[in-house]
N, C-alpha and C. Protein backbone atom coordinates (compact mmCIF):
# COMPACT_ATOMS: atom_id res chain seq x y z
N MET A 1 60.98 217.70 76.19
CA MET A 1 61.98 217.43 75.05
C MET A 1 63.73 216.77 75.26
N LYS A 2 64.32 216.40 74.52
CA LYS A 2 65.52 215.82 74.90
C LYS A 2 66.51 216.95 74.12
N TYR A 3 67.51 216.45 74.26
CA TYR A 3 68.93 218.01 74.42
C TYR A 3 68.84 217.92 73.47
N TYR A 4 69.50 217.08 72.43
CA TYR A 4 69.73 216.89 70.86
C TYR A 4 68.55 217.05 70.05
N GLU A 5 67.44 216.47 70.38
CA GLU A 5 66.54 217.12 69.24
C GLU A 5 66.02 218.17 69.42
N PHE A 6 66.46 218.99 70.71
CA PHE A 6 66.64 221.16 70.94
C PHE A 6 67.01 221.09 69.47
N LEU A 7 68.45 220.65 70.00
CA LEU A 7 69.54 221.22 69.14
C LEU A 7 69.06 221.22 67.26
N ASP A 8 68.82 219.53 67.02
CA ASP A 8 68.34 219.73 65.73
C ASP A 8 67.06 220.41 65.22
N ILE A 9 66.35 221.04 65.92
CA ILE A 9 65.07 222.39 65.45
C ILE A 9 65.73 223.32 66.00
N LEU A 10 67.01 223.79 66.30
CA LEU A 10 67.42 225.09 66.75
C LEU A 10 67.51 226.47 65.35
N LYS A 11 66.69 227.11 65.37
CA LYS A 11 67.00 228.14 64.13
C LYS A 11 67.16 229.19 64.09
N CYS A 12 67.39 229.62 65.69
CA CYS A 12 67.77 230.75 65.97
C CYS A 12 69.04 230.64 66.94
N ASP A 13 69.82 232.24 66.24
CA ASP A 13 71.37 232.49 66.90
C ASP A 13 71.16 233.15 67.72
N LYS A 14 70.18 233.41 68.46
CA LYS A 14 69.93 233.70 69.62
C LYS A 14 69.48 232.94 70.88
N VAL A 15 70.21 232.20 72.11
CA VAL A 15 69.08 231.75 72.81
C VAL A 15 69.27 232.30 74.05
N LEU A 16 68.28 232.31 74.56
CA LEU A 16 67.82 232.63 76.04
C LEU A 16 67.57 231.25 76.23
N VAL A 17 68.32 231.42 78.04
CA VAL A 17 68.34 229.82 79.09
C VAL A 17 67.64 230.36 80.19
N VAL A 18 66.44 230.04 80.75
CA VAL A 18 65.69 230.37 81.95
C VAL A 18 65.12 228.70 82.66
N GLY A 19 64.54 229.19 83.37
CA GLY A 19 64.41 228.01 84.43
C GLY A 19 64.78 229.01 86.32
N CYS A 20 64.08 227.61 86.83
CA CYS A 20 64.08 227.87 88.38
C CYS A 20 65.92 227.82 88.43
N GLN A 21 65.87 228.47 89.96
CA GLN A 21 67.34 228.02 90.04
C GLN A 21 67.36 227.18 90.69
N ARG A 22 69.04 226.47 90.23
CA ARG A 22 69.58 225.28 90.39
C ARG A 22 69.25 224.34 89.76
N SER A 23 68.49 224.74 88.65
CA SER A 23 67.71 223.72 87.84
C SER A 23 68.83 223.05 86.60
N GLY A 24 70.04 223.33 86.64
CA GLY A 24 71.35 223.32 85.45
C GLY A 24 71.37 224.51 84.15
N THR A 25 70.67 225.82 84.58
CA THR A 25 70.74 226.91 83.08
C THR A 25 71.72 227.13 82.91
N ARG A 26 72.89 227.22 83.66
CA ARG A 26 74.57 227.56 83.36
C ARG A 26 74.83 226.41 82.94
N PHE A 27 75.08 224.97 83.36
CA PHE A 27 75.85 223.85 83.08
C PHE A 27 74.85 223.95 81.42
N VAL A 28 73.47 223.54 80.82
CA VAL A 28 72.86 223.52 79.40
C VAL A 28 73.39 225.05 78.53
N ALA A 29 73.17 226.34 79.36
CA ALA A 29 73.80 227.30 78.64
C ALA A 29 75.04 226.94 77.84
N HIS A 30 75.96 226.58 78.61
CA HIS A 30 77.28 226.01 78.17
C HIS A 30 77.66 225.05 77.78
N ALA A 31 76.81 223.89 77.22
CA ALA A 31 76.51 223.21 76.34
C ALA A 31 76.03 223.56 74.85
N ILE A 32 75.17 224.58 74.89
CA ILE A 32 74.72 225.16 73.99
C ILE A 32 75.57 225.57 73.25
N ALA A 33 76.17 226.36 73.87
CA ALA A 33 77.63 228.01 72.91
C ALA A 33 78.40 226.81 72.43
N LYS A 34 78.81 225.42 73.85
CA LYS A 34 80.06 224.84 73.38
C LYS A 34 79.43 223.87 71.67
N ASP A 35 78.05 223.33 71.50
CA ASP A 35 77.87 222.58 70.35
C ASP A 35 77.17 223.52 69.38
N MET A 36 76.85 224.75 69.23
CA MET A 36 76.67 225.94 68.27
C MET A 36 77.70 226.39 67.95
N GLY A 37 78.57 226.13 68.97
CA GLY A 37 79.81 227.09 68.13
C GLY A 37 79.29 229.17 68.78
N TYR A 38 78.40 229.15 69.14
CA TYR A 38 77.98 230.44 70.11
C TYR A 38 78.86 231.15 70.84
N LYS A 39 78.34 232.58 71.29
CA LYS A 39 79.37 233.23 72.68
C LYS A 39 78.68 232.92 73.80
N TYR A 40 79.13 232.75 75.18
CA TYR A 40 78.34 232.28 76.38
C TYR A 40 78.09 233.74 77.05
N LEU A 41 77.07 233.98 77.30
CA LEU A 41 76.93 235.15 78.29
C LEU A 41 76.08 234.57 79.43
N ASP A 42 76.76 235.23 80.61
CA ASP A 42 76.54 234.46 81.98
C ASP A 42 75.53 235.82 82.81
N GLU A 43 74.79 235.11 82.91
CA GLU A 43 73.74 236.56 83.97
C GLU A 43 73.93 237.34 84.53
N GLN A 44 75.41 237.43 84.84
CA GLN A 44 76.21 238.42 85.86
C GLN A 44 75.92 239.51 84.23
N THR A 45 76.26 238.87 83.68
CA THR A 45 76.96 240.43 82.61
C THR A 45 74.90 240.97 82.14
N ILE A 46 73.88 241.06 82.72
CA ILE A 46 72.83 241.45 82.77
C ILE A 46 72.23 241.82 83.65
N ASN A 47 73.31 241.93 85.09
CA ASN A 47 72.50 242.45 86.10
C ASN A 47 72.05 241.72 87.05
N PHE A 48 72.19 239.97 86.71
CA PHE A 48 71.09 239.46 87.06
C PHE A 48 69.72 239.56 86.40
N SER A 49 68.87 239.74 87.22
CA SER A 49 67.55 240.21 86.77
C SER A 49 66.51 241.53 85.56
N SER A 50 67.49 241.71 85.11
CA SER A 50 67.45 243.06 84.26
C SER A 50 66.74 242.86 82.73
N ALA A 51 65.40 242.72 83.05
CA ALA A 51 65.17 242.35 81.37
C ALA A 51 65.56 243.18 79.91
N HIS A 52 65.64 244.91 80.65
CA HIS A 52 66.01 245.71 79.65
C HIS A 52 67.02 245.39 79.17
N ASN A 53 68.45 244.74 80.41
CA ASN A 53 69.96 244.18 80.12
C ASN A 53 69.82 243.21 78.65
N ALA A 54 68.98 242.19 79.81
CA ALA A 54 68.92 240.85 77.85
C ALA A 54 68.66 241.27 76.70
N ARG A 55 67.26 242.22 76.68
CA ARG A 55 67.27 242.47 75.79
C ARG A 55 68.40 243.07 74.42
N LEU A 56 69.10 243.78 75.79
CA LEU A 56 70.37 244.31 74.98
C LEU A 56 71.34 243.25 74.59
N ARG A 57 71.37 242.11 75.04
CA ARG A 57 72.80 241.93 74.98
C ARG A 57 72.51 240.47 73.98
N LEU A 58 70.90 240.30 73.71
CA LEU A 58 70.48 239.92 72.70
C LEU A 58 70.11 239.73 71.35
N ARG A 59 70.95 241.09 70.67
CA ARG A 59 70.85 242.19 70.15
C ARG A 59 71.92 241.20 69.21
N GLU A 60 72.87 240.57 69.99
CA GLU A 60 74.12 240.08 69.02
C GLU A 60 74.08 238.87 68.70
N ASN A 61 74.74 238.75 67.77
CA ASN A 61 74.56 237.78 67.06
C ASN A 61 75.11 236.23 67.91
N ARG A 62 74.74 234.97 67.74
CA ARG A 62 75.61 233.98 67.51
C ARG A 62 75.52 233.85 69.03
N VAL A 63 74.40 234.15 70.32
CA VAL A 63 75.17 234.76 71.57
C VAL A 63 73.76 233.58 72.46
N VAL A 64 74.53 233.12 73.64
CA VAL A 64 73.66 232.41 74.42
C VAL A 64 73.82 233.19 75.81
N LEU A 65 72.44 233.42 76.05
CA LEU A 65 72.26 233.64 77.40
C LEU A 65 71.73 233.33 78.32
N GLN A 66 72.18 233.15 79.30
CA GLN A 66 72.04 232.17 80.74
C GLN A 66 71.62 233.14 81.76
N ALA A 67 69.83 233.03 81.68
CA ALA A 67 69.73 234.43 83.31
C ALA A 67 68.37 233.29 83.59
N PRO A 68 68.24 232.84 84.57
CA PRO A 68 67.25 232.20 84.83
C PRO A 68 66.46 233.05 86.39
N ALA A 69 66.79 234.51 86.62
CA ALA A 69 66.11 235.72 87.35
C ALA A 69 65.31 236.33 86.01
N VAL A 70 65.30 236.06 84.98
CA VAL A 70 64.64 236.84 83.93
C VAL A 70 63.31 235.88 83.72
N SER A 71 63.08 234.53 84.17
CA SER A 71 62.20 233.59 83.77
C SER A 71 60.39 234.01 83.91
N SER A 72 60.21 235.34 84.43
CA SER A 72 59.33 235.37 84.79
C SER A 72 58.70 237.04 83.88
N GLU A 73 60.01 237.22 83.06
CA GLU A 73 59.60 238.39 82.29
C GLU A 73 60.23 238.45 80.97
N VAL A 74 59.81 237.09 80.53
CA VAL A 74 60.12 236.42 79.13
C VAL A 74 58.95 237.17 77.92
N ALA A 75 57.71 237.31 78.54
CA ALA A 75 56.84 238.29 77.65
C ALA A 75 57.83 239.83 76.81
N ALA A 76 58.19 240.20 77.71
CA ALA A 76 58.88 241.20 77.59
C ALA A 76 60.37 241.43 76.61
N ILE A 77 61.00 240.23 76.83
CA ILE A 77 62.08 240.23 76.50
C ILE A 77 61.93 238.92 74.57
N THR A 78 60.99 238.12 74.65
CA THR A 78 60.68 237.43 73.51
C THR A 78 60.67 238.62 71.89
N ALA A 79 61.09 237.85 71.09
CA ALA A 79 61.57 238.09 69.73
C ALA A 79 61.94 237.02 68.77
N PRO A 80 61.36 237.66 67.77
CA PRO A 80 61.39 236.14 66.51
C PRO A 80 62.49 235.46 66.46
N ASP A 81 63.49 236.25 66.46
CA ASP A 81 65.10 235.45 66.25
C ASP A 81 65.58 235.15 67.58
N VAL A 82 64.85 235.21 69.03
CA VAL A 82 65.40 234.37 69.79
C VAL A 82 64.33 233.46 70.47
N ALA A 83 65.07 232.14 70.68
CA ALA A 83 64.48 230.91 70.72
C ALA A 83 64.67 230.91 72.58
N ILE A 84 63.96 230.89 72.96
CA ILE A 84 64.02 230.75 75.01
C ILE A 84 63.86 229.12 75.07
N VAL A 85 64.43 229.04 76.18
CA VAL A 85 64.44 227.52 76.57
C VAL A 85 64.19 227.47 77.62
N TRP A 86 63.26 226.51 78.36
CA TRP A 86 63.00 226.32 80.00
C TRP A 86 64.05 225.02 80.39
N ILE A 87 64.79 225.22 81.10
CA ILE A 87 65.23 223.82 81.98
C ILE A 87 64.32 222.53 82.77
N ASN A 88 63.65 221.54 82.25
CA ASN A 88 63.45 220.85 82.88
C ASN A 88 63.54 220.51 83.25
N ARG A 89 64.21 220.46 85.22
CA ARG A 89 65.14 219.39 86.17
C ARG A 89 63.82 219.27 87.35
N ASP A 90 63.92 217.70 87.70
CA ASP A 90 63.04 217.16 88.46
C ASP A 90 62.82 217.93 90.14
N ARG A 91 61.62 218.28 89.91
CA ARG A 91 61.70 219.34 91.49
C ARG A 91 62.64 218.71 92.90
N ASP A 92 62.39 217.62 92.91
CA ASP A 92 63.60 217.24 94.32
C ASP A 92 65.12 217.78 94.07
N ASP A 93 65.02 217.48 92.99
CA ASP A 93 66.27 217.58 92.79
C ASP A 93 66.90 219.44 92.74
N VAL A 94 65.98 220.10 91.89
CA VAL A 94 65.92 221.16 92.40
C VAL A 94 66.04 221.55 93.81
N ILE A 95 65.11 221.48 94.22
CA ILE A 95 64.70 221.86 96.01
C ILE A 95 65.92 221.25 96.75
N LYS A 96 66.28 220.19 96.07
CA LYS A 96 67.74 219.66 97.25
C LYS A 96 69.04 220.15 97.32
N SER A 97 69.41 220.74 96.02
CA SER A 97 70.14 221.77 95.19
C SER A 97 70.39 223.37 96.15
N GLN A 98 69.16 223.44 95.86
CA GLN A 98 68.69 225.07 96.27
C GLN A 98 69.11 225.12 98.02
N GLN A 99 68.59 223.88 98.53
CA GLN A 99 68.76 223.59 99.95
C GLN A 99 70.60 223.39 100.45
N ARG A 100 70.68 222.66 99.19
CA ARG A 100 72.35 222.25 99.54
C ARG A 100 73.63 223.56 99.99
N ILE A 101 73.34 224.95 99.05
CA ILE A 101 73.59 225.83 98.76
C ILE A 101 72.95 226.94 99.79
N GLY A 102 72.24 226.66 100.80
CA GLY A 102 71.29 227.84 101.09
C GLY A 102 70.78 228.74 100.71
N TRP A 103 70.31 228.44 99.03
CA TRP A 103 69.54 229.28 98.54
C TRP A 103 68.67 230.09 99.66
N PHE A 104 67.92 228.97 99.82
CA PHE A 104 66.52 230.29 100.53
C PHE A 104 66.86 231.50 101.28
N ASN A 105 68.16 231.46 101.97
CA ASN A 105 68.64 232.40 103.20
C ASN A 105 69.36 233.04 102.47
N THR A 106 69.00 233.60 100.41
CA THR A 106 69.21 234.58 100.37
C THR A 106 68.56 235.62 99.62
N GLY A 107 69.18 237.06 99.81
CA GLY A 107 67.92 237.94 99.15
C GLY A 107 67.73 237.83 97.77
N SER A 108 68.07 236.89 96.50
CA SER A 108 68.42 237.11 96.08
C SER A 108 66.49 236.08 95.17
N GLU A 109 66.85 235.22 96.61
CA GLU A 109 65.39 234.50 96.63
C GLU A 109 64.38 235.01 96.68
N GLN A 110 64.19 235.78 97.85
CA GLN A 110 63.25 236.37 98.51
C GLN A 110 62.78 237.39 97.54
N HIS A 111 63.56 238.33 96.62
CA HIS A 111 63.37 239.32 95.70
C HIS A 111 62.76 238.24 94.89
N GLU A 112 62.94 237.46 94.11
CA GLU A 112 62.34 236.14 92.89
C GLU A 112 60.79 235.87 93.35
N TRP A 113 60.71 235.88 95.02
CA TRP A 113 59.72 235.57 95.46
C TRP A 113 58.41 236.17 95.38
N ASN A 114 59.05 237.79 95.85
CA ASN A 114 58.36 238.93 95.56
C ASN A 114 57.68 239.54 94.35
N LYS A 115 58.70 239.32 93.35
CA LYS A 115 58.29 239.57 91.97
C LYS A 115 57.35 238.29 91.95
N LEU A 116 56.85 237.31 91.67
CA LEU A 116 56.15 235.89 91.33
C LEU A 116 55.32 236.71 91.65
N TRP A 117 55.38 236.56 93.10
CA TRP A 117 54.28 237.21 93.93
C TRP A 117 52.92 238.27 92.69
N SER A 118 54.06 238.92 92.90
CA SER A 118 53.01 240.65 92.02
C SER A 118 52.52 240.53 90.91
N ILE A 119 53.29 239.32 90.60
CA ILE A 119 52.96 238.95 88.28
C ILE A 119 51.70 238.17 88.58
N PHE A 120 51.45 236.98 89.98
CA PHE A 120 50.40 235.98 89.94
C PHE A 120 49.07 236.79 90.38
N GLU A 121 49.79 237.85 91.00
CA GLU A 121 48.10 238.74 92.19
C GLU A 121 47.43 239.68 91.31
N PHE A 122 48.40 240.22 90.07
CA PHE A 122 48.03 241.22 89.38
C PHE A 122 48.30 240.71 87.78
N GLY A 123 48.70 240.08 87.55
CA GLY A 123 49.18 239.89 86.29
C GLY A 123 50.34 240.99 85.64
N GLN A 124 50.55 240.64 84.09
CA GLN A 124 51.74 241.19 83.57
C GLN A 124 52.15 240.46 82.39
N ASP A 125 52.22 241.62 81.78
CA ASP A 125 52.83 241.54 80.07
C ASP A 125 52.00 240.16 79.65
N GLY A 126 50.61 240.34 79.46
CA GLY A 126 50.19 239.40 79.07
C GLY A 126 49.46 237.86 80.04
N ALA A 127 50.32 238.37 80.95
CA ALA A 127 50.12 237.06 82.01
C ALA A 127 48.55 237.08 82.74
N LEU A 128 47.67 236.49 82.60
CA LEU A 128 46.73 236.09 84.06
C LEU A 128 47.02 236.45 85.21
N PRO A 129 46.62 237.05 86.20
CA PRO A 129 46.36 236.61 87.75
C PRO A 129 45.91 235.57 87.63
N MET A 130 46.94 234.49 88.64
CA MET A 130 46.49 233.23 89.09
C MET A 130 46.11 233.29 90.49
N GLY A 131 45.76 234.17 91.17
CA GLY A 131 45.24 234.21 92.49
C GLY A 131 46.46 233.44 93.78
N LYS A 132 45.72 233.58 94.74
CA LYS A 132 46.97 233.18 95.89
C LYS A 132 47.02 231.99 96.07
N ARG A 133 48.08 230.64 95.04
CA ARG A 133 47.81 229.57 95.34
C ARG A 133 49.39 229.46 96.40
N ASN A 134 48.60 227.95 96.67
CA ASN A 134 50.38 227.55 97.59
C ASN A 134 50.68 228.49 99.02
N LEU A 135 49.04 229.18 99.30
CA LEU A 135 50.04 229.88 100.45
C LEU A 135 50.31 228.84 101.50
N CYS A 136 50.96 229.37 102.58
CA CYS A 136 51.77 228.58 103.61
C CYS A 136 50.56 229.33 105.06
N LYS A 137 49.64 227.96 105.37
CA LYS A 137 48.35 228.27 106.02
C LYS A 137 48.82 229.07 107.77
N GLU A 138 50.20 228.80 107.71
CA GLU A 138 50.55 229.73 109.03
C GLU A 138 51.00 231.09 109.04
N HIS A 139 51.09 231.53 107.67
CA HIS A 139 51.57 232.80 107.60
C HIS A 139 50.66 233.59 106.25
N GLY A 140 49.66 232.80 105.83
CA GLY A 140 48.91 233.63 104.74
C GLY A 140 49.96 233.82 103.63
N ARG A 141 50.62 234.50 102.73
CA ARG A 141 51.31 234.94 101.62
C ARG A 141 52.86 235.34 102.33
N LEU A 142 52.81 235.42 103.30
CA LEU A 142 54.11 236.15 103.86
C LEU A 142 54.83 234.66 103.73
N PHE A 143 56.32 234.63 103.17
CA PHE A 143 57.19 233.69 103.13
C PHE A 143 58.36 233.69 103.78
N ASP A 144 58.08 233.12 105.23
CA ASP A 144 59.76 233.22 106.46
C ASP A 144 60.12 231.68 106.03
N ILE A 145 61.65 232.42 106.11
CA ILE A 145 62.60 231.35 105.24
C ILE A 145 63.26 230.82 106.70
N ASN A 146 62.92 231.46 107.92
CA ASN A 146 63.31 230.43 108.85
C ASN A 146 61.91 230.30 110.37
N CYS A 147 60.98 229.51 109.19
CA CYS A 147 60.20 228.67 109.78
C CYS A 147 59.57 227.65 108.81
N LYS A 148 59.85 226.49 109.62
CA LYS A 148 59.89 224.94 109.35
C LYS A 148 58.68 224.93 108.63
N LYS A 149 57.67 225.68 108.83
CA LYS A 149 56.21 225.84 108.16
C LYS A 149 55.92 226.02 107.16
N CYS A 150 56.84 227.00 106.40
CA CYS A 150 57.07 227.42 105.49
C CYS A 150 57.96 226.65 104.23
N GLU A 151 57.94 225.21 104.62
CA GLU A 151 58.71 224.63 103.56
C GLU A 151 57.93 224.07 102.62
N TYR A 152 56.57 224.76 102.08
CA TYR A 152 56.00 224.14 101.31
C TYR A 152 55.81 225.19 100.28
N GLU A 153 55.98 226.37 101.01
CA GLU A 153 56.61 227.65 99.90
C GLU A 153 57.53 227.55 99.53
N GLN A 154 58.74 226.99 99.66
CA GLN A 154 59.96 226.86 99.35
C GLN A 154 59.69 225.87 98.11
N LEU A 155 58.71 225.06 98.46
CA LEU A 155 58.28 224.05 97.56
C LEU A 155 57.72 224.73 95.90
N SER A 156 56.94 225.34 95.92
CA SER A 156 56.14 226.13 95.08
C SER A 156 56.27 226.96 94.80
N ILE A 157 57.41 227.76 95.36
CA ILE A 157 58.00 228.72 93.84
C ILE A 157 58.70 227.99 92.48
N TYR A 158 59.22 226.97 92.81
CA TYR A 158 59.07 225.68 91.50
C TYR A 158 57.51 225.97 90.86
N ASP A 159 56.64 225.61 91.12
CA ASP A 159 55.71 225.34 90.82
C ASP A 159 55.31 226.79 90.39
N MET A 160 55.20 227.73 90.98
CA MET A 160 54.47 228.91 90.27
C MET A 160 55.57 229.52 88.76
N LYS A 161 57.10 228.81 88.94
CA LYS A 161 57.74 229.37 87.48
C LYS A 161 57.28 228.42 86.83
N LYS A 162 56.94 227.54 86.77
CA LYS A 162 56.82 226.53 85.47
C LYS A 162 55.46 227.05 85.25
N VAL A 163 54.25 227.23 85.91
CA VAL A 163 52.73 227.52 85.78
C VAL A 163 53.03 228.65 84.85
N PHE A 164 53.71 229.96 85.54
CA PHE A 164 53.68 230.95 84.70
C PHE A 164 54.61 230.63 83.16
N TRP A 165 55.78 230.46 82.92
CA TRP A 165 56.22 229.58 81.99
C TRP A 165 54.94 229.12 80.65
N ARG A 166 54.36 228.00 81.29
CA ARG A 166 53.29 227.57 80.76
C ARG A 166 52.01 228.27 79.98
N GLU A 167 51.85 229.34 81.10
CA GLU A 167 50.68 230.18 80.28
C GLU A 167 51.16 231.38 79.81
N THR A 168 52.76 231.49 79.77
CA THR A 168 53.11 232.74 78.92
C THR A 168 53.55 231.84 77.38
N HIS A 169 53.12 233.16 76.72
CA HIS A 169 53.45 232.47 75.04
C HIS A 169 54.15 233.53 74.52
N VAL A 170 55.30 233.09 73.78
CA VAL A 170 56.41 233.33 73.33
C VAL A 170 56.90 233.21 72.40
N HIS A 171 57.67 233.59 71.77
CA HIS A 171 58.06 233.22 70.14
C HIS A 171 59.10 232.37 70.28
N ASN A 172 58.91 231.31 69.74
CA ASN A 172 60.48 230.07 69.58
C ASN A 172 60.47 229.20 70.92
N GLN A 173 59.48 228.65 71.81
CA GLN A 173 60.08 228.47 73.56
C GLN A 173 59.66 226.84 73.44
N PHE A 174 61.10 226.58 73.86
CA PHE A 174 61.18 225.05 74.52
C PHE A 174 61.03 225.01 75.53
N GLU A 175 61.27 223.54 75.70
CA GLU A 175 61.61 222.76 77.54
C GLU A 175 62.39 221.73 77.26
N VAL A 176 63.38 221.77 77.47
CA VAL A 176 64.52 220.72 78.15
C VAL A 176 64.86 219.94 78.78
N GLU A 177 64.96 218.65 79.18
CA GLU A 177 65.25 218.12 79.76
C GLU A 177 66.55 217.86 80.06
N TYR A 178 66.46 218.80 81.53
CA TYR A 178 68.01 218.45 82.21
C TYR A 178 68.70 217.12 82.19
N GLU A 179 67.91 216.03 82.32
CA GLU A 179 68.47 214.82 82.60
C GLU A 179 68.81 214.02 81.40
N SER A 180 68.15 214.60 79.88
CA SER A 180 69.11 214.66 78.80
C SER A 180 70.20 214.19 77.99
N LEU A 181 71.15 215.40 79.53
CA LEU A 181 72.43 215.39 78.72
C LEU A 181 73.71 214.52 79.30
N LYS A 182 72.88 213.77 80.01
CA LYS A 182 73.92 212.87 81.00
C LYS A 182 74.93 212.34 79.93
N SER A 183 74.49 212.01 78.58
CA SER A 183 75.24 211.79 77.26
C SER A 183 76.42 212.57 77.21
N HIS A 184 76.15 214.27 77.70
CA HIS A 184 76.92 215.56 77.19
C HIS A 184 78.56 215.24 77.35
N PRO A 185 79.33 215.46 76.39
CA PRO A 185 81.18 215.66 77.24
C PRO A 185 80.87 216.39 78.44
N LEU A 186 80.76 217.55 78.64
CA LEU A 186 80.67 218.12 79.84
C LEU A 186 79.93 217.23 80.77
N TRP A 187 78.80 216.58 80.98
CA TRP A 187 78.10 216.06 81.83
C TRP A 187 79.60 215.76 83.05
N VAL A 188 79.34 215.50 84.11
CA VAL A 188 79.55 215.47 85.50
C VAL A 188 78.72 214.58 86.38
N SER A 189 79.04 212.86 86.74
CA SER A 189 78.07 212.64 87.57
C SER A 189 77.79 212.84 88.83
N PRO A 190 76.68 213.33 89.26
CA PRO A 190 76.27 213.66 91.13
C PRO A 190 77.42 213.53 92.05
N GLU A 191 77.82 211.83 91.57
CA GLU A 191 79.21 211.80 92.74
C GLU A 191 80.04 212.50 92.92
N ASP A 192 80.64 212.25 91.45
CA ASP A 192 82.11 213.04 90.95
C ASP A 192 82.01 214.39 91.19
N ARG A 193 80.83 215.05 92.07
CA ARG A 193 80.84 216.88 91.68
C ARG A 193 81.08 217.70 92.87
N ASP A 194 81.54 218.12 92.90
CA ASP A 194 82.23 219.27 93.81
C ASP A 194 81.20 219.94 94.32
N PRO A 195 80.67 220.07 95.28
CA PRO A 195 79.43 220.33 96.14
C PRO A 195 79.29 222.16 96.48
N ASN A 196 81.06 222.26 96.07
CA ASN A 196 81.46 223.30 96.55
C ASN A 196 81.54 224.93 95.54
N ASN A 197 81.66 223.99 94.37
CA ASN A 197 81.99 224.50 93.31
C ASN A 197 81.53 223.24 91.65
N ILE A 198 80.40 223.16 91.60
CA ILE A 198 79.82 222.18 90.76
C ILE A 198 80.04 222.79 89.63
N VAL A 199 80.01 224.17 88.99
CA VAL A 199 79.94 224.70 87.50
C VAL A 199 81.43 225.00 87.16
N LYS A 200 82.09 225.20 88.54
CA LYS A 200 83.48 225.38 87.63
C LYS A 200 83.67 223.87 87.11
N LEU A 201 83.54 222.89 87.87
CA LEU A 201 83.71 221.00 88.19
C LEU A 201 83.13 220.99 86.17
N GLN A 202 81.83 221.23 85.71
CA GLN A 202 80.88 220.63 84.90
C GLN A 202 81.73 221.56 83.80
N ILE A 203 82.00 222.66 83.57
CA ILE A 203 82.28 223.44 82.80
C ILE A 203 84.22 223.76 82.24
N LYS A 204 84.59 222.47 83.33
CA LYS A 204 86.43 222.87 82.88
C LYS A 204 86.91 222.84 81.67
N ASN A 205 86.04 221.83 80.83
CA ASN A 205 86.54 221.70 78.99
C ASN A 205 86.00 222.20 78.32
N ILE A 206 85.18 223.93 78.92
CA ILE A 206 85.17 224.73 77.69
C ILE A 206 86.18 225.60 78.29
N LEU A 207 86.68 225.66 79.60
CA LEU A 207 87.25 227.05 80.24
C LEU A 207 89.08 226.91 79.31
């Protein structure tokens, strides 16, 4: 769905923005907040990955919460008055962005990887176990960020999150195409972005 199509049908005054890390969740959440006159809440306000804290913050009215780390827990957060928005960005662009900032070397990535595997293997909150998909032939289910042969697993976390999202049913579920925001006033073309401070550059007109 294109961004402005989403805005036209948005009826909720509470919005949760999720997706893969580096898919543009913070930028899109800021855009929604600006266009709808809602308060922007960053993932830091819920300690990044706390579904409980996300539910508490979404009790407020006219808010947009950016929280990609709770993407696998949307079934525990969903409510009839909350719109949950997945940001759909090209896989290669997401991976390049993650590699550019060294995302695969962070503890956050390892934590999210382990959490997703737990859900895929055992099922959680209505999601069916999906089995061991996309395994590295060298290490089985083990993810080793220092092994070049584990590159496929670096890609598959994108696939796992997307499959999980599409197989989990929540209230007011939307997918918004990241590239459809190119005409938005806050958009900054890739060649003009500061690779060390992209988010600050993109939202400079909000602050």
